[in-house]
Protein backbone atom coordinates (compact mmCIF):
# COMPACT_ATOMS: atom_id res chain seq x y z
CA UNK A 1 0.00 0.00 0.00
CA UNK A 2 2.90 2.34 0.67
CA UNK A 3 4.11 2.00 -2.92
CA UNK A 4 0.63 2.87 -4.22
CA UNK A 5 0.70 6.09 -2.19
CA UNK A 6 3.80 7.26 -4.07
CA UNK A 7 3.55 9.51 -7.11
CA UNK A 8 5.47 7.07 -9.34
CA UNK A 9 2.57 5.63 -11.36
CA UNK A 10 4.95 3.38 -13.31
CA UNK A 11 5.46 1.30 -10.13
CA UNK A 12 1.76 0.65 -9.64
CA UNK A 13 1.37 -2.25 -12.07
CA UNK A 14 3.82 -4.54 -10.27
CA UNK A 15 2.24 -3.69 -6.93
CA UNK A 16 -1.28 -4.25 -8.24
CA UNK A 17 -0.22 -7.59 -9.76
CA UNK A 18 1.19 -8.63 -6.38
CA UNK A 19 -2.08 -7.65 -4.67
CA UNK A 20 -4.07 -9.56 -7.30
CA UNK A 21 -2.01 -12.69 -6.70
CA UNK A 22 -2.42 -12.50 -2.94
CA UNK A 23 -6.15 -11.85 -3.21
CA UNK A 24 -6.72 -14.62 -5.77
CA UNK A 25 -4.92 -17.21 -3.70
CA UNK A 26 -6.91 -16.27 -0.61
CA UNK A 27 -10.38 -16.12 -2.23
CA UNK A 28 -10.56 -19.43 -4.07
CA UNK A 29 -12.47 -21.03 -1.20
CA UNK A 30 -13.88 -18.49 1.22
CA UNK A 31 -15.60 -19.56 4.38
CA UNK A 32 -14.84 -16.25 6.06
CA UNK A 33 -13.35 -12.97 4.88
CA UNK A 34 -9.68 -13.71 4.05
CA UNK A 35 -6.94 -11.76 5.84
CA UNK A 36 -5.77 -9.88 2.71
CA UNK A 37 -9.31 -8.54 2.17
CA UNK A 38 -9.62 -7.59 5.84
CA UNK A 39 -6.34 -5.70 5.64
CA UNK A 40 -7.13 -4.01 2.31
CA UNK A 41 -10.67 -3.04 3.29
CA UNK A 42 -9.36 -0.13 5.36
CA UNK A 43 -7.52 1.08 2.24
CA UNK A 44 -10.58 0.96 -0.02
CA UNK A 45 -10.79 4.74 -0.51
CA UNK A 46 -7.04 4.98 -1.12
CA UNK A 47 -7.29 2.26 -3.78
CA UNK A 48 -10.13 4.15 -5.48
CA UNK A 49 -7.84 7.21 -5.54
CA UNK A 50 -5.12 5.09 -7.14
CA UNK A 51 -7.63 4.05 -9.80
CA UNK A 52 -8.42 7.71 -10.51
CA UNK A 53 -4.71 8.66 -10.78
CA UNK A 54 -3.72 5.97 -13.26
CA UNK A 55 -4.01 6.81 -16.98
CA UNK A 56 -6.32 4.72 -19.19
CA UNK A 57 -4.96 1.32 -20.09
CA UNK A 58 -4.21 -2.10 -18.60
CA UNK A 59 -2.90 -0.70 -15.30
CA UNK A 60 -6.14 1.21 -14.75
CA UNK A 61 -8.13 -1.96 -15.49
CA UNK A 62 -5.91 -3.86 -13.07
CA UNK A 63 -6.62 -1.25 -10.38
CA UNK A 64 -10.36 -1.46 -11.09
CA UNK A 65 -10.31 -5.22 -10.57
CA UNK A 66 -8.57 -4.88 -7.21
CA UNK A 67 -11.05 -2.18 -6.13
CA UNK A 68 -13.92 -4.40 -7.28
CA UNK A 69 -12.89 -7.41 -5.22
CA UNK A 70 -12.37 -5.27 -2.12
CA UNK A 71 -15.67 -3.51 -2.78
CA UNK A 72 -17.32 -6.88 -2.28
CA UNK A 73 -16.48 -6.72 1.43
CA UNK A 74 -16.88 -3.01 2.24
CA UNK A 75 -19.22 -1.26 -0.18
CA UNK A 76 -22.99 -1.13 0.04
CA UNK A 77 -23.39 0.94 -3.14
CA UNK A 78 -22.66 -1.63 -5.87
CA UNK A 79 -19.07 -0.49 -6.30
CA UNK A 80 -18.02 -4.10 -6.79
CA UNK A 81 -20.08 -4.17 -10.00
CA UNK A 82 -19.10 -0.64 -11.04
CA UNK A 83 -15.38 -1.32 -10.86
CA UNK A 84 -15.68 -4.79 -12.41
CA UNK A 85 -17.29 -3.17 -15.44
CA UNK A 86 -14.32 -0.77 -15.58
CA UNK A 87 -11.80 -3.61 -15.14
CA UNK A 88 -10.59 -6.42 -17.34
CA UNK A 89 -13.23 -8.27 -19.31
CA UNK A 90 -11.54 -11.65 -18.89
CA UNK A 91 -12.36 -14.63 -16.74
CA UNK A 92 -14.08 -13.63 -13.50
CA UNK A 93 -14.04 -17.15 -12.10
CA UNK A 94 -10.43 -16.71 -11.07
CA UNK A 95 -11.60 -14.52 -8.18
CA UNK A 96 -13.59 -17.32 -6.58
CA UNK A 97 -17.22 -18.36 -6.28
CA UNK A 98 -18.08 -15.90 -3.49
CA UNK A 99 -17.05 -12.98 -5.72
CA UNK A 100 -19.20 -14.28 -8.58
CA UNK A 101 -22.14 -14.75 -6.18
CA UNK A 102 -21.71 -11.20 -4.91
CA UNK A 103 -21.49 -9.78 -8.45
CA UNK A 104 -24.63 -11.68 -9.44
CA UNK A 105 -26.43 -10.13 -6.46
CA UNK A 106 -25.33 -6.63 -7.46
CA UNK A 107 -26.41 -7.27 -11.06
CA UNK A 108 -29.86 -8.35 -9.88
CA UNK A 109 -30.12 -5.27 -7.63
CA UNK A 110 -29.20 -3.07 -10.57
CA UNK A 111 -31.73 -4.82 -12.80
C-alpha atoms as a PDB file:
ATOM      1  CA  UNK A   1       0.000   0.000   0.000  1.00  0.00           C
ATOM      2  CA  UNK A   2       2.904   2.338   0.668  1.00  0.00           C
ATOM      3  CA  UNK A   3       4.113   1.998  -2.921  1.00  0.00           C
ATOM      4  CA  UNK A   4       0.629   2.869  -4.218  1.00  0.00           C
ATOM      5  CA  UNK A   5       0.701   6.090  -2.193  1.00  0.00           C
ATOM      6  CA  UNK A   6       3.801   7.262  -4.067  1.00  0.00           C
ATOM      7  CA  UNK A   7       3.553   9.514  -7.110  1.00  0.00           C
ATOM      8  CA  UNK A   8       5.467   7.066  -9.343  1.00  0.00           C
ATOM      9  CA  UNK A   9       2.568   5.629 -11.361  1.00  0.00           C
ATOM     10  CA  UNK A  10       4.946   3.381 -13.306  1.00  0.00           C
ATOM     11  CA  UNK A  11       5.464   1.302 -10.130  1.00  0.00           C
ATOM     12  CA  UNK A  12       1.756   0.649  -9.643  1.00  0.00           C
ATOM     13  CA  UNK A  13       1.369  -2.250 -12.071  1.00  0.00           C
ATOM     14  CA  UNK A  14       3.816  -4.545 -10.270  1.00  0.00           C
ATOM     15  CA  UNK A  15       2.245  -3.691  -6.929  1.00  0.00           C
ATOM     16  CA  UNK A  16      -1.276  -4.254  -8.240  1.00  0.00           C
ATOM     17  CA  UNK A  17      -0.216  -7.588  -9.757  1.00  0.00           C
ATOM     18  CA  UNK A  18       1.189  -8.629  -6.376  1.00  0.00           C
ATOM     19  CA  UNK A  19      -2.075  -7.653  -4.673  1.00  0.00           C
ATOM     20  CA  UNK A  20      -4.066  -9.555  -7.299  1.00  0.00           C
ATOM     21  CA  UNK A  21      -2.013 -12.685  -6.703  1.00  0.00           C
ATOM     22  CA  UNK A  22      -2.421 -12.503  -2.938  1.00  0.00           C
ATOM     23  CA  UNK A  23      -6.155 -11.850  -3.208  1.00  0.00           C
ATOM     24  CA  UNK A  24      -6.724 -14.619  -5.769  1.00  0.00           C
ATOM     25  CA  UNK A  25      -4.920 -17.211  -3.705  1.00  0.00           C
ATOM     26  CA  UNK A  26      -6.913 -16.269  -0.613  1.00  0.00           C
ATOM     27  CA  UNK A  27     -10.377 -16.119  -2.225  1.00  0.00           C
ATOM     28  CA  UNK A  28     -10.557 -19.427  -4.067  1.00  0.00           C
ATOM     29  CA  UNK A  29     -12.469 -21.026  -1.197  1.00  0.00           C
ATOM     30  CA  UNK A  30     -13.876 -18.485   1.219  1.00  0.00           C
ATOM     31  CA  UNK A  31     -15.602 -19.564   4.381  1.00  0.00           C
ATOM     32  CA  UNK A  32     -14.839 -16.249   6.056  1.00  0.00           C
ATOM     33  CA  UNK A  33     -13.347 -12.969   4.882  1.00  0.00           C
ATOM     34  CA  UNK A  34      -9.677 -13.710   4.054  1.00  0.00           C
ATOM     35  CA  UNK A  35      -6.941 -11.758   5.841  1.00  0.00           C
ATOM     36  CA  UNK A  36      -5.770  -9.884   2.707  1.00  0.00           C
ATOM     37  CA  UNK A  37      -9.306  -8.536   2.169  1.00  0.00           C
ATOM     38  CA  UNK A  38      -9.619  -7.592   5.839  1.00  0.00           C
ATOM     39  CA  UNK A  39      -6.341  -5.696   5.635  1.00  0.00           C
ATOM     40  CA  UNK A  40      -7.126  -4.008   2.315  1.00  0.00           C
ATOM     41  CA  UNK A  41     -10.669  -3.036   3.291  1.00  0.00           C
ATOM     42  CA  UNK A  42      -9.358  -0.132   5.357  1.00  0.00           C
ATOM     43  CA  UNK A  43      -7.523   1.082   2.245  1.00  0.00           C
ATOM     44  CA  UNK A  44     -10.584   0.965  -0.015  1.00  0.00           C
ATOM     45  CA  UNK A  45     -10.794   4.741  -0.511  1.00  0.00           C
ATOM     46  CA  UNK A  46      -7.044   4.975  -1.120  1.00  0.00           C
ATOM     47  CA  UNK A  47      -7.288   2.264  -3.775  1.00  0.00           C
ATOM     48  CA  UNK A  48     -10.126   4.146  -5.478  1.00  0.00           C
ATOM     49  CA  UNK A  49      -7.844   7.212  -5.538  1.00  0.00           C
ATOM     50  CA  UNK A  50      -5.117   5.092  -7.143  1.00  0.00           C
ATOM     51  CA  UNK A  51      -7.631   4.046  -9.799  1.00  0.00           C
ATOM     52  CA  UNK A  52      -8.420   7.714 -10.506  1.00  0.00           C
ATOM     53  CA  UNK A  53      -4.711   8.655 -10.780  1.00  0.00           C
ATOM     54  CA  UNK A  54      -3.719   5.967 -13.264  1.00  0.00           C
ATOM     55  CA  UNK A  55      -4.005   6.808 -16.981  1.00  0.00           C
ATOM     56  CA  UNK A  56      -6.316   4.722 -19.189  1.00  0.00           C
ATOM     57  CA  UNK A  57      -4.957   1.319 -20.087  1.00  0.00           C
ATOM     58  CA  UNK A  58      -4.212  -2.096 -18.601  1.00  0.00           C
ATOM     59  CA  UNK A  59      -2.901  -0.704 -15.302  1.00  0.00           C
ATOM     60  CA  UNK A  60      -6.141   1.208 -14.747  1.00  0.00           C
ATOM     61  CA  UNK A  61      -8.132  -1.958 -15.487  1.00  0.00           C
ATOM     62  CA  UNK A  62      -5.911  -3.858 -13.069  1.00  0.00           C
ATOM     63  CA  UNK A  63      -6.617  -1.248 -10.376  1.00  0.00           C
ATOM     64  CA  UNK A  64     -10.360  -1.459 -11.094  1.00  0.00           C
ATOM     65  CA  UNK A  65     -10.310  -5.223 -10.574  1.00  0.00           C
ATOM     66  CA  UNK A  66      -8.571  -4.877  -7.213  1.00  0.00           C
ATOM     67  CA  UNK A  67     -11.048  -2.185  -6.125  1.00  0.00           C
ATOM     68  CA  UNK A  68     -13.919  -4.396  -7.282  1.00  0.00           C
ATOM     69  CA  UNK A  69     -12.895  -7.411  -5.216  1.00  0.00           C
ATOM     70  CA  UNK A  70     -12.370  -5.270  -2.115  1.00  0.00           C
ATOM     71  CA  UNK A  71     -15.666  -3.507  -2.779  1.00  0.00           C
ATOM     72  CA  UNK A  72     -17.324  -6.876  -2.282  1.00  0.00           C
ATOM     73  CA  UNK A  73     -16.481  -6.720   1.425  1.00  0.00           C
ATOM     74  CA  UNK A  74     -16.881  -3.013   2.236  1.00  0.00           C
ATOM     75  CA  UNK A  75     -19.216  -1.257  -0.175  1.00  0.00           C
ATOM     76  CA  UNK A  76     -22.986  -1.135   0.039  1.00  0.00           C
ATOM     77  CA  UNK A  77     -23.394   0.937  -3.140  1.00  0.00           C
ATOM     78  CA  UNK A  78     -22.657  -1.634  -5.865  1.00  0.00           C
ATOM     79  CA  UNK A  79     -19.069  -0.494  -6.302  1.00  0.00           C
ATOM     80  CA  UNK A  80     -18.020  -4.105  -6.793  1.00  0.00           C
ATOM     81  CA  UNK A  81     -20.080  -4.169  -9.999  1.00  0.00           C
ATOM     82  CA  UNK A  82     -19.099  -0.639 -11.036  1.00  0.00           C
ATOM     83  CA  UNK A  83     -15.379  -1.322 -10.858  1.00  0.00           C
ATOM     84  CA  UNK A  84     -15.679  -4.791 -12.412  1.00  0.00           C
ATOM     85  CA  UNK A  85     -17.288  -3.166 -15.442  1.00  0.00           C
ATOM     86  CA  UNK A  86     -14.317  -0.768 -15.576  1.00  0.00           C
ATOM     87  CA  UNK A  87     -11.797  -3.608 -15.137  1.00  0.00           C
ATOM     88  CA  UNK A  88     -10.594  -6.417 -17.340  1.00  0.00           C
ATOM     89  CA  UNK A  89     -13.233  -8.273 -19.312  1.00  0.00           C
ATOM     90  CA  UNK A  90     -11.544 -11.650 -18.891  1.00  0.00           C
ATOM     91  CA  UNK A  91     -12.361 -14.631 -16.739  1.00  0.00           C
ATOM     92  CA  UNK A  92     -14.080 -13.629 -13.499  1.00  0.00           C
ATOM     93  CA  UNK A  93     -14.045 -17.151 -12.101  1.00  0.00           C
ATOM     94  CA  UNK A  94     -10.425 -16.710 -11.066  1.00  0.00           C
ATOM     95  CA  UNK A  95     -11.597 -14.518  -8.175  1.00  0.00           C
ATOM     96  CA  UNK A  96     -13.594 -17.316  -6.581  1.00  0.00           C
ATOM     97  CA  UNK A  97     -17.220 -18.364  -6.276  1.00  0.00           C
ATOM     98  CA  UNK A  98     -18.076 -15.898  -3.491  1.00  0.00           C
ATOM     99  CA  UNK A  99     -17.048 -12.976  -5.724  1.00  0.00           C
ATOM    100  CA  UNK A 100     -19.204 -14.284  -8.575  1.00  0.00           C
ATOM    101  CA  UNK A 101     -22.139 -14.752  -6.179  1.00  0.00           C
ATOM    102  CA  UNK A 102     -21.712 -11.197  -4.912  1.00  0.00           C
ATOM    103  CA  UNK A 103     -21.491  -9.784  -8.447  1.00  0.00           C
ATOM    104  CA  UNK A 104     -24.634 -11.682  -9.436  1.00  0.00           C
ATOM    105  CA  UNK A 105     -26.428 -10.131  -6.464  1.00  0.00           C
ATOM    106  CA  UNK A 106     -25.332  -6.627  -7.456  1.00  0.00           C
ATOM    107  CA  UNK A 107     -26.413  -7.267 -11.064  1.00  0.00           C
ATOM    108  CA  UNK A 108     -29.863  -8.353  -9.882  1.00  0.00           C
ATOM    109  CA  UNK A 109     -30.123  -5.273  -7.634  1.00  0.00           C
ATOM    110  CA  UNK A 110     -29.204  -3.069 -10.570  1.00  0.00           C
ATOM    111  CA  UNK A 111     -31.728  -4.824 -12.803  1.00  0.00           C
END
